[in-house]
């Protein structure tokens, strides 16, 4: 099973990807994590990416596709994979398709999780991130209250700037303008399935499994 989880910020892609990864014993690749690892390890593409991010610029598509390709090694993805947070543009999607064809990788489905903007803003405003280990919690759904420490490592839980209302609204606007068209790209290719992302984690998971004909 080779999956891409798609959808706007705050829709729950990361949460569902981790559950599916454990359930089917296949690796979960988060674009943000991949980029951080490549940068930290100082890989050739990671160094190039770092040069752009340091200047506050977007990492070019060709570099991002290369970084993702470096992670999708035959040994790691022999039983399948879940890709979360990539591609973000049609150009990236086209480049990823070319990479898959070159390596004889068959994409099973692209799961598009949906939710209205008001719900996404509410979720993201309640999100808190551990300043040490990066674990993410939600004041509305997790047993966490303002001022608590991270249950995982004891680090401080912070409200990131990109999880504040004005920034969230800008992120959603960018998503609509540049990332949402990727949905049409995969719809035309016949691999897109739509899943309502509003509801409890288990409820949304069951919807995904139903769409994948695994339940």
N, C-alpha and C. Protein backbone atom coordinates (compact mmCIF):
# COMPACT_ATOMS: atom_id res chain seq x y z
N UNK A 1 0.85 -1.19 0.00
CA UNK A 1 0.00 0.00 0.00
C UNK A 1 0.88 1.24 0.00
N UNK A 2 0.73 2.04 -1.05
CA UNK A 2 1.49 3.28 -1.18
C UNK A 2 0.51 4.46 -1.16
N UNK A 3 0.55 5.25 -0.11
CA UNK A 3 -0.45 6.29 0.09
C UNK A 3 0.17 7.67 0.18
N UNK A 4 -0.60 8.67 -0.27
CA UNK A 4 -0.31 10.06 0.01
C UNK A 4 -1.49 10.60 0.81
N UNK A 5 -1.21 11.23 1.95
CA UNK A 5 -2.26 11.88 2.72
C UNK A 5 -2.21 13.37 2.40
N UNK A 6 -3.34 13.90 2.03
CA UNK A 6 -3.42 15.25 1.49
C UNK A 6 -4.49 16.03 2.24
N UNK A 7 -4.34 17.34 2.32
CA UNK A 7 -5.35 18.16 2.96
C UNK A 7 -4.75 19.41 3.56
N UNK A 8 -5.58 20.36 3.98
CA UNK A 8 -5.11 21.65 4.50
C UNK A 8 -4.45 21.53 5.87
N UNK A 9 -3.74 22.57 6.31
CA UNK A 9 -3.13 22.57 7.65
C UNK A 9 -4.18 22.35 8.73
N UNK A 10 -3.86 21.48 9.69
CA UNK A 10 -4.75 21.26 10.81
C UNK A 10 -5.82 20.22 10.60
N UNK A 11 -5.84 19.58 9.42
CA UNK A 11 -6.91 18.62 9.13
C UNK A 11 -6.64 17.25 9.77
N UNK A 12 -5.42 17.02 10.23
CA UNK A 12 -5.13 15.76 10.92
C UNK A 12 -4.33 14.76 10.11
N UNK A 13 -3.64 15.21 9.09
CA UNK A 13 -2.86 14.30 8.24
C UNK A 13 -1.82 13.52 9.05
N UNK A 14 -1.06 14.28 9.87
CA UNK A 14 0.01 13.65 10.63
C UNK A 14 -0.50 12.60 11.60
N UNK A 15 -1.58 12.92 12.29
CA UNK A 15 -2.17 11.98 13.25
C UNK A 15 -2.60 10.69 12.57
N UNK A 16 -3.34 10.82 11.47
CA UNK A 16 -3.83 9.63 10.76
C UNK A 16 -2.68 8.85 10.12
N UNK A 17 -1.68 9.56 9.63
CA UNK A 17 -0.53 8.89 9.00
C UNK A 17 0.19 8.00 10.01
N UNK A 18 0.37 8.51 11.23
CA UNK A 18 1.07 7.72 12.25
C UNK A 18 0.28 6.47 12.62
N UNK A 19 -1.05 6.60 12.73
CA UNK A 19 -1.89 5.45 13.06
C UNK A 19 -1.83 4.40 11.94
N UNK A 20 -1.97 4.85 10.71
CA UNK A 20 -1.93 3.93 9.56
C UNK A 20 -0.56 3.27 9.44
N UNK A 21 0.49 4.03 9.73
CA UNK A 21 1.84 3.49 9.67
C UNK A 21 2.01 2.32 10.64
N UNK A 22 1.50 2.51 11.86
CA UNK A 22 1.60 1.45 12.87
C UNK A 22 0.68 0.27 12.53
N UNK A 23 -0.51 0.58 12.05
CA UNK A 23 -1.49 -0.46 11.76
C UNK A 23 -1.02 -1.41 10.65
N UNK A 24 -0.36 -0.84 9.63
CA UNK A 24 0.05 -1.66 8.49
C UNK A 24 1.56 -1.89 8.42
N UNK A 25 2.27 -1.45 9.46
CA UNK A 25 3.73 -1.66 9.54
C UNK A 25 4.45 -1.16 8.29
N UNK A 26 4.10 0.06 7.89
CA UNK A 26 4.76 0.69 6.75
C UNK A 26 5.27 2.06 7.20
N UNK A 27 6.38 2.54 6.62
CA UNK A 27 6.95 3.81 7.09
C UNK A 27 6.11 5.02 6.74
N UNK A 28 6.17 5.99 7.62
CA UNK A 28 5.47 7.26 7.43
C UNK A 28 6.52 8.33 7.18
N UNK A 29 6.44 8.99 6.05
CA UNK A 29 7.38 10.04 5.70
C UNK A 29 6.68 11.39 5.76
N UNK A 30 7.06 12.21 6.74
CA UNK A 30 6.55 13.57 6.84
C UNK A 30 7.55 14.50 6.17
N UNK A 31 7.07 15.32 5.25
CA UNK A 31 7.98 16.19 4.51
C UNK A 31 8.79 17.08 5.44
N UNK A 32 8.14 17.63 6.47
CA UNK A 32 8.85 18.49 7.41
C UNK A 32 9.98 17.75 8.10
N UNK A 33 9.71 16.51 8.54
CA UNK A 33 10.74 15.71 9.20
C UNK A 33 11.87 15.37 8.24
N UNK A 34 11.51 15.00 7.00
CA UNK A 34 12.52 14.65 6.00
C UNK A 34 13.45 15.83 5.76
N UNK A 35 12.88 17.01 5.63
CA UNK A 35 13.68 18.21 5.37
C UNK A 35 14.60 18.52 6.54
N UNK A 36 14.07 18.39 7.76
CA UNK A 36 14.90 18.65 8.95
C UNK A 36 16.05 17.65 9.05
N UNK A 37 15.77 16.38 8.77
CA UNK A 37 16.81 15.34 8.85
C UNK A 37 17.90 15.60 7.81
N UNK A 38 17.48 15.90 6.58
CA UNK A 38 18.45 16.16 5.51
C UNK A 38 19.33 17.35 5.86
N UNK A 39 18.72 18.39 6.45
CA UNK A 39 19.46 19.59 6.82
C UNK A 39 20.42 19.30 7.97
N UNK A 40 19.91 18.58 8.99
CA UNK A 40 20.73 18.26 10.17
C UNK A 40 21.91 17.38 9.81
N UNK A 41 21.66 16.39 8.94
CA UNK A 41 22.72 15.45 8.56
C UNK A 41 23.67 16.03 7.52
N UNK A 42 23.31 17.19 6.98
CA UNK A 42 24.20 17.84 6.03
C UNK A 42 24.35 17.10 4.72
N UNK A 43 23.27 16.46 4.24
CA UNK A 43 23.33 15.82 2.93
C UNK A 43 23.48 16.91 1.87
N UNK A 44 23.98 16.56 0.68
CA UNK A 44 24.14 17.58 -0.36
C UNK A 44 22.86 18.36 -0.64
N UNK A 45 21.73 17.64 -0.75
CA UNK A 45 20.47 18.33 -1.00
C UNK A 45 20.00 19.07 0.25
N UNK A 46 20.30 18.52 1.43
CA UNK A 46 19.93 19.19 2.67
C UNK A 46 20.64 20.52 2.82
N UNK A 47 21.91 20.56 2.43
CA UNK A 47 22.68 21.81 2.49
C UNK A 47 22.07 22.84 1.54
N UNK A 48 21.71 22.39 0.33
CA UNK A 48 21.09 23.31 -0.62
C UNK A 48 19.77 23.85 -0.08
N UNK A 49 18.97 22.97 0.52
CA UNK A 49 17.69 23.38 1.08
C UNK A 49 17.88 24.39 2.20
N UNK A 50 18.88 24.13 3.04
CA UNK A 50 19.15 25.01 4.18
C UNK A 50 19.52 26.41 3.71
N UNK A 51 20.25 26.48 2.61
CA UNK A 51 20.63 27.79 2.07
C UNK A 51 19.41 28.63 1.70
N UNK A 52 18.36 27.95 1.22
CA UNK A 52 17.13 28.67 0.85
C UNK A 52 16.33 29.05 2.10
N UNK A 53 16.16 28.09 3.03
CA UNK A 53 15.35 28.36 4.21
C UNK A 53 15.96 29.44 5.09
N UNK A 54 17.30 29.49 5.12
CA UNK A 54 17.97 30.54 5.91
C UNK A 54 17.64 31.93 5.40
N UNK A 55 17.40 32.02 4.09
CA UNK A 55 17.07 33.31 3.49
C UNK A 55 15.57 33.57 3.48
N UNK A 56 14.81 32.64 4.09
CA UNK A 56 13.37 32.79 4.14
C UNK A 56 12.69 32.48 2.82
N UNK A 57 13.37 31.74 1.96
CA UNK A 57 12.83 31.41 0.65
C UNK A 57 12.32 29.97 0.63
N UNK A 58 11.38 29.70 -0.27
CA UNK A 58 10.88 28.33 -0.43
C UNK A 58 11.95 27.46 -1.08
N UNK A 59 12.01 26.23 -0.63
CA UNK A 59 12.95 25.28 -1.23
C UNK A 59 12.45 24.90 -2.62
N UNK A 60 13.27 25.03 -3.66
CA UNK A 60 12.82 24.71 -5.03
C UNK A 60 12.29 23.29 -5.14
N UNK A 61 11.34 23.11 -6.04
CA UNK A 61 10.70 21.80 -6.22
C UNK A 61 11.70 20.69 -6.49
N UNK A 62 12.69 20.96 -7.34
CA UNK A 62 13.63 19.91 -7.74
C UNK A 62 14.44 19.41 -6.54
N UNK A 63 14.74 20.32 -5.59
CA UNK A 63 15.47 19.92 -4.40
C UNK A 63 14.57 19.11 -3.47
N UNK A 64 13.32 19.58 -3.29
CA UNK A 64 12.39 18.86 -2.41
C UNK A 64 12.12 17.45 -2.93
N UNK A 65 11.92 17.32 -4.24
CA UNK A 65 11.67 15.99 -4.81
C UNK A 65 12.88 15.10 -4.61
N UNK A 66 14.08 15.67 -4.76
CA UNK A 66 15.29 14.90 -4.55
C UNK A 66 15.43 14.42 -3.12
N UNK A 67 15.10 15.30 -2.16
CA UNK A 67 15.18 14.94 -0.75
C UNK A 67 14.19 13.82 -0.42
N UNK A 68 12.97 13.95 -0.93
CA UNK A 68 11.97 12.90 -0.72
C UNK A 68 12.43 11.60 -1.37
N UNK A 69 12.98 11.70 -2.58
CA UNK A 69 13.47 10.51 -3.29
C UNK A 69 14.57 9.80 -2.55
N UNK A 70 15.43 10.57 -1.86
CA UNK A 70 16.51 9.96 -1.08
C UNK A 70 15.96 9.09 0.05
N UNK A 71 14.79 9.46 0.58
CA UNK A 71 14.19 8.70 1.69
C UNK A 71 13.45 7.46 1.20
N UNK A 72 12.89 7.54 0.00
CA UNK A 72 12.08 6.42 -0.52
C UNK A 72 12.97 5.36 -1.16
N UNK A 73 13.83 4.77 -0.35
CA UNK A 73 14.74 3.73 -0.85
C UNK A 73 13.99 2.41 -0.98
N UNK A 74 14.41 1.53 -1.92
CA UNK A 74 13.72 0.25 -2.12
C UNK A 74 13.57 -0.57 -0.84
N UNK A 75 14.61 -0.58 0.00
CA UNK A 75 14.55 -1.37 1.22
C UNK A 75 13.51 -0.83 2.19
N UNK A 76 13.43 0.49 2.30
CA UNK A 76 12.52 1.10 3.28
C UNK A 76 11.07 1.00 2.85
N UNK A 77 10.80 1.02 1.55
CA UNK A 77 9.40 1.07 1.10
C UNK A 77 8.94 -0.24 0.45
N UNK A 78 9.66 -1.31 0.71
CA UNK A 78 9.32 -2.58 0.06
C UNK A 78 7.92 -3.08 0.40
N UNK A 79 7.41 -2.70 1.58
CA UNK A 79 6.06 -3.12 1.99
C UNK A 79 5.03 -2.01 1.84
N UNK A 80 5.48 -0.85 1.32
CA UNK A 80 4.59 0.28 1.15
C UNK A 80 5.09 1.49 1.93
N UNK A 81 4.32 2.57 1.87
CA UNK A 81 4.70 3.79 2.58
C UNK A 81 3.51 4.74 2.65
N UNK A 82 3.64 5.73 3.54
CA UNK A 82 2.67 6.82 3.63
C UNK A 82 3.45 8.12 3.52
N UNK A 83 3.09 8.95 2.57
CA UNK A 83 3.75 10.24 2.37
C UNK A 83 2.80 11.33 2.83
N UNK A 84 3.26 12.16 3.76
CA UNK A 84 2.42 13.17 4.40
C UNK A 84 3.03 14.55 4.20
N UNK A 85 2.26 15.46 3.59
CA UNK A 85 2.73 16.83 3.41
C UNK A 85 3.46 17.09 2.12
N UNK A 86 3.40 16.15 1.21
CA UNK A 86 4.06 16.29 -0.09
C UNK A 86 3.32 15.41 -1.09
N UNK A 87 3.11 15.90 -2.30
CA UNK A 87 3.54 17.17 -2.90
C UNK A 87 2.63 18.33 -2.49
N UNK A 88 3.17 19.55 -2.62
CA UNK A 88 2.43 20.75 -2.26
C UNK A 88 2.08 21.62 -3.46
N UNK A 89 2.62 21.30 -4.60
CA UNK A 89 2.31 22.03 -5.83
C UNK A 89 2.13 21.02 -6.95
N UNK A 90 1.49 21.46 -8.03
CA UNK A 90 1.31 20.57 -9.18
C UNK A 90 2.67 20.18 -9.77
N UNK A 91 3.60 21.13 -9.80
CA UNK A 91 4.94 20.81 -10.32
C UNK A 91 5.61 19.72 -9.49
N UNK A 92 5.45 19.79 -8.17
CA UNK A 92 6.00 18.74 -7.32
C UNK A 92 5.31 17.41 -7.58
N UNK A 93 3.99 17.45 -7.78
CA UNK A 93 3.23 16.23 -8.06
C UNK A 93 3.70 15.59 -9.37
N UNK A 94 3.92 16.42 -10.38
CA UNK A 94 4.39 15.90 -11.67
C UNK A 94 5.78 15.29 -11.53
N UNK A 95 6.65 15.96 -10.77
CA UNK A 95 8.00 15.44 -10.57
C UNK A 95 7.97 14.15 -9.76
N UNK A 96 7.07 14.07 -8.78
CA UNK A 96 6.94 12.86 -7.97
C UNK A 96 6.43 11.71 -8.82
N UNK A 97 5.48 11.98 -9.71
CA UNK A 97 4.98 10.95 -10.62
C UNK A 97 6.11 10.41 -11.50
N UNK A 98 6.94 11.31 -12.00
CA UNK A 98 8.08 10.89 -12.83
C UNK A 98 9.05 10.01 -12.03
N UNK A 99 9.27 10.39 -10.76
CA UNK A 99 10.14 9.60 -9.88
C UNK A 99 9.56 8.21 -9.65
N UNK A 100 8.25 8.14 -9.38
CA UNK A 100 7.59 6.86 -9.17
C UNK A 100 7.69 5.98 -10.42
N UNK A 101 7.46 6.56 -11.58
CA UNK A 101 7.53 5.79 -12.82
C UNK A 101 8.94 5.26 -13.05
N UNK A 102 9.93 6.08 -12.74
CA UNK A 102 11.33 5.68 -12.92
C UNK A 102 11.68 4.50 -12.02
N UNK A 103 11.08 4.46 -10.83
CA UNK A 103 11.40 3.41 -9.85
C UNK A 103 10.34 2.32 -9.80
N UNK A 104 9.39 2.35 -10.72
CA UNK A 104 8.31 1.35 -10.76
C UNK A 104 7.52 1.30 -9.45
N UNK A 105 7.23 2.48 -8.91
CA UNK A 105 6.42 2.58 -7.70
C UNK A 105 4.98 2.87 -8.11
N UNK A 106 4.05 2.04 -7.63
CA UNK A 106 2.64 2.22 -7.96
C UNK A 106 1.94 2.93 -6.81
N UNK A 107 1.35 4.07 -7.08
CA UNK A 107 0.63 4.83 -6.07
C UNK A 107 -0.77 4.27 -5.90
N UNK A 108 -1.08 3.78 -4.69
CA UNK A 108 -2.38 3.16 -4.45
C UNK A 108 -3.50 4.20 -4.42
N UNK A 109 -3.40 5.15 -3.49
CA UNK A 109 -4.44 6.17 -3.34
C UNK A 109 -3.85 7.46 -2.80
N UNK A 110 -4.53 8.55 -3.11
CA UNK A 110 -4.28 9.84 -2.47
C UNK A 110 -5.52 10.14 -1.64
N UNK A 111 -5.37 10.17 -0.33
CA UNK A 111 -6.49 10.42 0.58
C UNK A 111 -6.55 11.91 0.89
N UNK A 112 -7.62 12.55 0.45
CA UNK A 112 -7.79 13.98 0.68
C UNK A 112 -8.72 14.20 1.88
N UNK A 113 -8.13 14.63 3.00
CA UNK A 113 -8.91 14.93 4.19
C UNK A 113 -9.45 16.35 4.11
N UNK A 114 -10.73 16.52 4.43
CA UNK A 114 -11.37 17.83 4.27
C UNK A 114 -11.95 18.32 5.60
N UNK A 115 -12.01 19.64 5.74
CA UNK A 115 -12.66 20.28 6.89
C UNK A 115 -12.84 21.75 6.53
N UNK A 116 -13.86 22.40 7.09
CA UNK A 116 -14.07 23.80 6.77
C UNK A 116 -13.07 24.67 7.52
N UNK A 117 -12.85 25.88 7.01
CA UNK A 117 -11.82 26.75 7.55
C UNK A 117 -12.02 27.07 9.02
N UNK A 118 -13.26 27.26 9.45
CA UNK A 118 -13.51 27.60 10.86
C UNK A 118 -13.04 26.48 11.78
N UNK A 119 -13.28 25.25 11.37
CA UNK A 119 -12.85 24.10 12.18
C UNK A 119 -11.32 24.01 12.19
N UNK A 120 -10.70 24.25 11.05
CA UNK A 120 -9.24 24.18 10.98
C UNK A 120 -8.60 25.26 11.86
N UNK A 121 -9.15 26.47 11.82
CA UNK A 121 -8.62 27.56 12.65
C UNK A 121 -8.77 27.22 14.13
N UNK A 122 -9.93 26.67 14.50
CA UNK A 122 -10.16 26.29 15.90
C UNK A 122 -9.14 25.25 16.36
N UNK A 123 -8.91 24.24 15.53
CA UNK A 123 -7.97 23.18 15.88
C UNK A 123 -6.55 23.73 16.04
N UNK A 124 -6.13 24.52 15.07
CA UNK A 124 -4.75 25.01 15.08
C UNK A 124 -4.50 25.99 16.22
N UNK A 125 -5.51 26.80 16.55
CA UNK A 125 -5.34 27.74 17.66
C UNK A 125 -5.18 27.00 18.98
N UNK A 126 -5.71 25.78 19.06
CA UNK A 126 -5.61 25.00 20.29
C UNK A 126 -4.39 24.08 20.31
N UNK A 127 -3.61 24.11 19.24
CA UNK A 127 -2.45 23.21 19.16
C UNK A 127 -1.26 23.76 19.94
N UNK A 128 -0.60 22.88 20.68
CA UNK A 128 0.61 23.23 21.42
C UNK A 128 1.70 22.22 21.05
N UNK A 129 2.93 22.73 20.89
CA UNK A 129 4.05 21.92 20.43
C UNK A 129 5.16 21.92 21.48
N UNK A 130 5.72 20.75 21.75
CA UNK A 130 6.82 20.66 22.72
C UNK A 130 8.06 21.32 22.12
N UNK A 131 8.64 22.23 22.88
CA UNK A 131 9.82 22.97 22.42
C UNK A 131 11.06 22.09 22.39
N UNK A 132 10.99 20.91 23.04
CA UNK A 132 12.15 20.02 23.09
C UNK A 132 12.04 18.85 22.11
N UNK A 133 10.97 18.05 22.24
CA UNK A 133 10.89 16.83 21.42
C UNK A 133 10.00 16.98 20.19
N UNK A 134 9.25 18.09 20.10
CA UNK A 134 8.42 18.32 18.93
C UNK A 134 7.06 17.66 18.96
N UNK A 135 6.72 16.96 20.04
CA UNK A 135 5.40 16.32 20.14
C UNK A 135 4.31 17.38 20.09
N UNK A 136 3.18 17.02 19.48
CA UNK A 136 2.09 17.98 19.28
C UNK A 136 0.86 17.53 20.08
N UNK A 137 0.22 18.47 20.74
CA UNK A 137 -0.98 18.20 21.53
C UNK A 137 -2.04 19.24 21.21
N UNK A 138 -3.28 18.92 21.57
CA UNK A 138 -4.39 19.84 21.34
C UNK A 138 -5.14 20.06 22.64
N UNK A 139 -5.33 21.33 22.99
CA UNK A 139 -6.01 21.65 24.24
C UNK A 139 -7.46 21.17 24.25
N UNK A 140 -8.04 21.01 23.07
CA UNK A 140 -9.44 20.61 22.99
C UNK A 140 -9.68 19.12 23.03
N UNK A 141 -8.69 18.34 22.56
CA UNK A 141 -8.92 16.90 22.44
C UNK A 141 -7.99 16.04 23.30
N UNK A 142 -6.84 16.57 23.67
CA UNK A 142 -5.91 15.82 24.52
C UNK A 142 -6.09 16.26 25.98
N UNK A 143 -5.61 15.43 26.87
CA UNK A 143 -5.72 15.74 28.30
C UNK A 143 -4.62 16.73 28.70
N UNK A 144 -4.67 17.90 28.06
CA UNK A 144 -3.63 18.92 28.24
C UNK A 144 -4.31 20.26 28.50
N UNK A 145 -3.78 21.02 29.44
CA UNK A 145 -4.29 22.39 29.66
C UNK A 145 -3.14 23.38 29.57
N UNK A 146 -3.48 24.65 29.38
CA UNK A 146 -2.48 25.70 29.23
C UNK A 146 -1.54 25.69 30.42
N UNK A 147 -0.23 25.69 30.15
CA UNK A 147 0.77 25.71 31.22
C UNK A 147 1.34 24.36 31.56
N UNK A 148 0.70 23.27 31.06
CA UNK A 148 1.22 21.92 31.31
C UNK A 148 2.55 21.72 30.57
N UNK A 149 3.32 20.74 31.06
CA UNK A 149 4.55 20.34 30.39
C UNK A 149 4.29 19.14 29.49
N UNK A 150 5.18 18.89 28.57
CA UNK A 150 5.03 17.78 27.63
C UNK A 150 5.00 16.44 28.36
N UNK A 151 3.95 15.64 28.18
CA UNK A 151 3.88 14.32 28.83
C UNK A 151 4.97 13.37 28.35
N UNK A 152 5.51 13.64 27.17
CA UNK A 152 6.52 12.74 26.59
C UNK A 152 7.91 12.97 27.17
N UNK A 153 8.31 14.27 27.31
CA UNK A 153 9.68 14.53 27.74
C UNK A 153 9.79 15.59 28.85
N UNK A 154 8.68 16.23 29.20
CA UNK A 154 8.71 17.25 30.24
C UNK A 154 9.10 18.63 29.75
N UNK A 155 9.21 18.79 28.42
CA UNK A 155 9.56 20.08 27.85
C UNK A 155 8.41 21.06 27.89
N UNK A 156 8.71 22.33 27.60
CA UNK A 156 7.68 23.36 27.59
C UNK A 156 6.80 23.22 26.36
N UNK A 157 5.49 23.39 26.56
CA UNK A 157 4.55 23.36 25.45
C UNK A 157 4.29 24.79 25.00
N UNK A 158 4.58 25.06 23.74
CA UNK A 158 4.47 26.43 23.24
C UNK A 158 3.37 26.55 22.18
N UNK A 159 2.88 27.77 22.05
CA UNK A 159 1.91 28.08 20.99
C UNK A 159 2.71 28.72 19.86
N UNK A 160 3.00 27.94 18.82
CA UNK A 160 3.86 28.43 17.74
C UNK A 160 3.20 29.60 17.00
N UNK A 161 4.03 30.49 16.49
CA UNK A 161 3.52 31.64 15.75
C UNK A 161 2.65 31.23 14.57
N UNK A 162 3.03 30.11 13.92
CA UNK A 162 2.24 29.69 12.75
C UNK A 162 0.95 28.99 13.13
N UNK A 163 0.67 28.89 14.44
CA UNK A 163 -0.60 28.34 14.91
C UNK A 163 -1.48 29.44 15.51
N UNK A 164 -1.18 30.69 15.20
CA UNK A 164 -2.00 31.81 15.65
C UNK A 164 -2.88 32.29 14.50
N UNK A 165 -4.03 32.88 14.85
CA UNK A 165 -5.11 33.10 13.89
C UNK A 165 -4.68 33.78 12.58
N UNK A 166 -3.99 34.89 12.66
CA UNK A 166 -3.63 35.61 11.44
C UNK A 166 -2.73 34.77 10.54
N UNK A 167 -1.78 34.07 11.16
CA UNK A 167 -0.88 33.21 10.38
C UNK A 167 -1.64 32.04 9.80
N UNK A 168 -2.56 31.47 10.56
CA UNK A 168 -3.36 30.35 10.08
C UNK A 168 -4.15 30.76 8.84
N UNK A 169 -4.76 31.93 8.91
CA UNK A 169 -5.55 32.41 7.77
C UNK A 169 -4.69 32.57 6.52
N UNK A 170 -3.45 33.05 6.72
CA UNK A 170 -2.53 33.17 5.57
C UNK A 170 -2.15 31.80 5.04
N UNK A 171 -1.91 30.84 5.95
CA UNK A 171 -1.54 29.48 5.53
C UNK A 171 -2.67 28.83 4.73
N UNK A 172 -3.90 29.03 5.17
CA UNK A 172 -5.03 28.46 4.45
C UNK A 172 -5.20 29.10 3.08
N UNK A 173 -4.91 30.39 2.99
CA UNK A 173 -4.99 31.09 1.70
C UNK A 173 -3.93 30.53 0.74
N UNK A 174 -2.71 30.33 1.25
CA UNK A 174 -1.63 29.75 0.42
C UNK A 174 -2.02 28.35 -0.02
N UNK A 175 -2.60 27.58 0.90
CA UNK A 175 -3.03 26.22 0.55
C UNK A 175 -4.04 26.24 -0.58
N UNK A 176 -5.04 27.10 -0.46
CA UNK A 176 -6.09 27.16 -1.48
C UNK A 176 -5.52 27.54 -2.84
N UNK A 177 -4.59 28.50 -2.83
CA UNK A 177 -4.06 29.01 -4.08
C UNK A 177 -3.04 28.08 -4.75
N UNK A 178 -2.17 27.44 -3.95
CA UNK A 178 -1.08 26.68 -4.55
C UNK A 178 -1.16 25.17 -4.36
N UNK A 179 -1.75 24.73 -3.25
CA UNK A 179 -1.74 23.30 -2.95
C UNK A 179 -3.03 22.60 -3.33
N UNK A 180 -4.16 23.24 -3.15
CA UNK A 180 -5.43 22.60 -3.49
C UNK A 180 -5.50 22.11 -4.94
N UNK A 181 -4.90 22.82 -5.91
CA UNK A 181 -4.93 22.31 -7.29
C UNK A 181 -4.30 20.92 -7.46
N UNK A 182 -3.45 20.53 -6.51
CA UNK A 182 -2.86 19.19 -6.58
C UNK A 182 -3.96 18.13 -6.49
N UNK A 183 -5.03 18.46 -5.77
CA UNK A 183 -6.16 17.54 -5.65
C UNK A 183 -6.72 17.20 -7.03
N UNK A 184 -6.88 18.21 -7.87
CA UNK A 184 -7.40 17.99 -9.22
C UNK A 184 -6.46 17.13 -10.05
N UNK A 185 -5.17 17.35 -9.85
CA UNK A 185 -4.16 16.56 -10.57
C UNK A 185 -4.36 15.07 -10.30
N UNK A 186 -4.53 14.71 -9.02
CA UNK A 186 -4.69 13.30 -8.68
C UNK A 186 -6.09 12.79 -8.97
N UNK A 187 -7.07 13.68 -8.96
CA UNK A 187 -8.43 13.29 -9.33
C UNK A 187 -8.47 12.85 -10.79
N UNK A 188 -7.80 13.60 -11.64
CA UNK A 188 -7.74 13.26 -13.06
C UNK A 188 -7.04 11.91 -13.27
N UNK A 189 -6.06 11.62 -12.42
CA UNK A 189 -5.32 10.36 -12.53
C UNK A 189 -6.07 9.19 -11.92
N UNK A 190 -7.23 9.46 -11.30
CA UNK A 190 -8.10 8.39 -10.80
C UNK A 190 -7.68 7.75 -9.50
N UNK A 191 -6.84 8.44 -8.69
CA UNK A 191 -6.38 7.84 -7.44
C UNK A 191 -6.86 8.60 -6.21
N UNK A 192 -7.61 9.67 -6.40
CA UNK A 192 -8.03 10.51 -5.28
C UNK A 192 -9.30 9.98 -4.62
N UNK A 193 -9.29 9.92 -3.28
CA UNK A 193 -10.51 9.63 -2.52
C UNK A 193 -10.69 10.75 -1.49
N UNK A 194 -11.94 11.17 -1.29
CA UNK A 194 -12.26 12.27 -0.36
C UNK A 194 -12.74 11.68 0.96
N UNK A 195 -12.20 12.22 2.05
CA UNK A 195 -12.60 11.75 3.38
C UNK A 195 -12.87 12.96 4.28
N UNK A 196 -14.04 12.99 4.92
CA UNK A 196 -14.39 14.05 5.86
C UNK A 196 -13.47 13.96 7.07
N UNK A 197 -12.72 15.04 7.33
CA UNK A 197 -11.76 15.04 8.43
C UNK A 197 -12.31 15.55 9.74
N UNK A 198 -13.61 15.88 9.79
CA UNK A 198 -14.21 16.38 11.02
C UNK A 198 -14.76 15.21 11.84
N UNK A 199 -14.38 15.18 13.12
CA UNK A 199 -14.84 14.09 13.98
C UNK A 199 -13.68 13.58 14.82
N UNK A 200 -13.96 12.54 15.60
CA UNK A 200 -12.92 11.94 16.41
C UNK A 200 -11.87 11.23 15.57
N UNK A 201 -10.71 10.99 16.16
CA UNK A 201 -9.60 10.36 15.43
C UNK A 201 -10.02 8.98 14.90
N UNK A 202 -10.66 8.18 15.74
CA UNK A 202 -11.07 6.83 15.32
C UNK A 202 -12.14 6.89 14.24
N UNK A 203 -13.03 7.86 14.38
CA UNK A 203 -14.10 8.03 13.39
C UNK A 203 -13.52 8.35 12.01
N UNK A 204 -12.57 9.28 11.98
CA UNK A 204 -11.93 9.63 10.71
C UNK A 204 -11.12 8.46 10.16
N UNK A 205 -10.43 7.75 11.05
CA UNK A 205 -9.66 6.58 10.64
C UNK A 205 -10.55 5.55 9.95
N UNK A 206 -11.72 5.29 10.53
CA UNK A 206 -12.64 4.31 9.95
C UNK A 206 -13.11 4.75 8.57
N UNK A 207 -13.30 6.06 8.39
CA UNK A 207 -13.69 6.57 7.06
C UNK A 207 -12.58 6.32 6.04
N UNK A 208 -11.33 6.54 6.47
CA UNK A 208 -10.20 6.31 5.57
C UNK A 208 -10.14 4.84 5.18
N UNK A 209 -10.24 3.95 6.17
CA UNK A 209 -10.15 2.52 5.90
C UNK A 209 -11.28 2.06 4.98
N UNK A 210 -12.45 2.65 5.16
CA UNK A 210 -13.58 2.31 4.28
C UNK A 210 -13.28 2.71 2.83
N UNK A 211 -12.73 3.91 2.66
CA UNK A 211 -12.40 4.38 1.31
C UNK A 211 -11.29 3.54 0.68
N UNK A 212 -10.40 3.01 1.52
CA UNK A 212 -9.32 2.18 1.01
C UNK A 212 -9.75 0.72 0.87
N UNK A 213 -11.02 0.45 1.16
CA UNK A 213 -11.58 -0.90 1.10
C UNK A 213 -10.83 -1.86 2.01
N UNK A 214 -10.45 -1.33 3.19
CA UNK A 214 -9.70 -2.14 4.15
C UNK A 214 -10.50 -2.38 5.41
N UNK A 215 -11.80 -2.04 5.35
CA UNK A 215 -12.67 -2.22 6.53
C UNK A 215 -14.02 -2.79 6.09
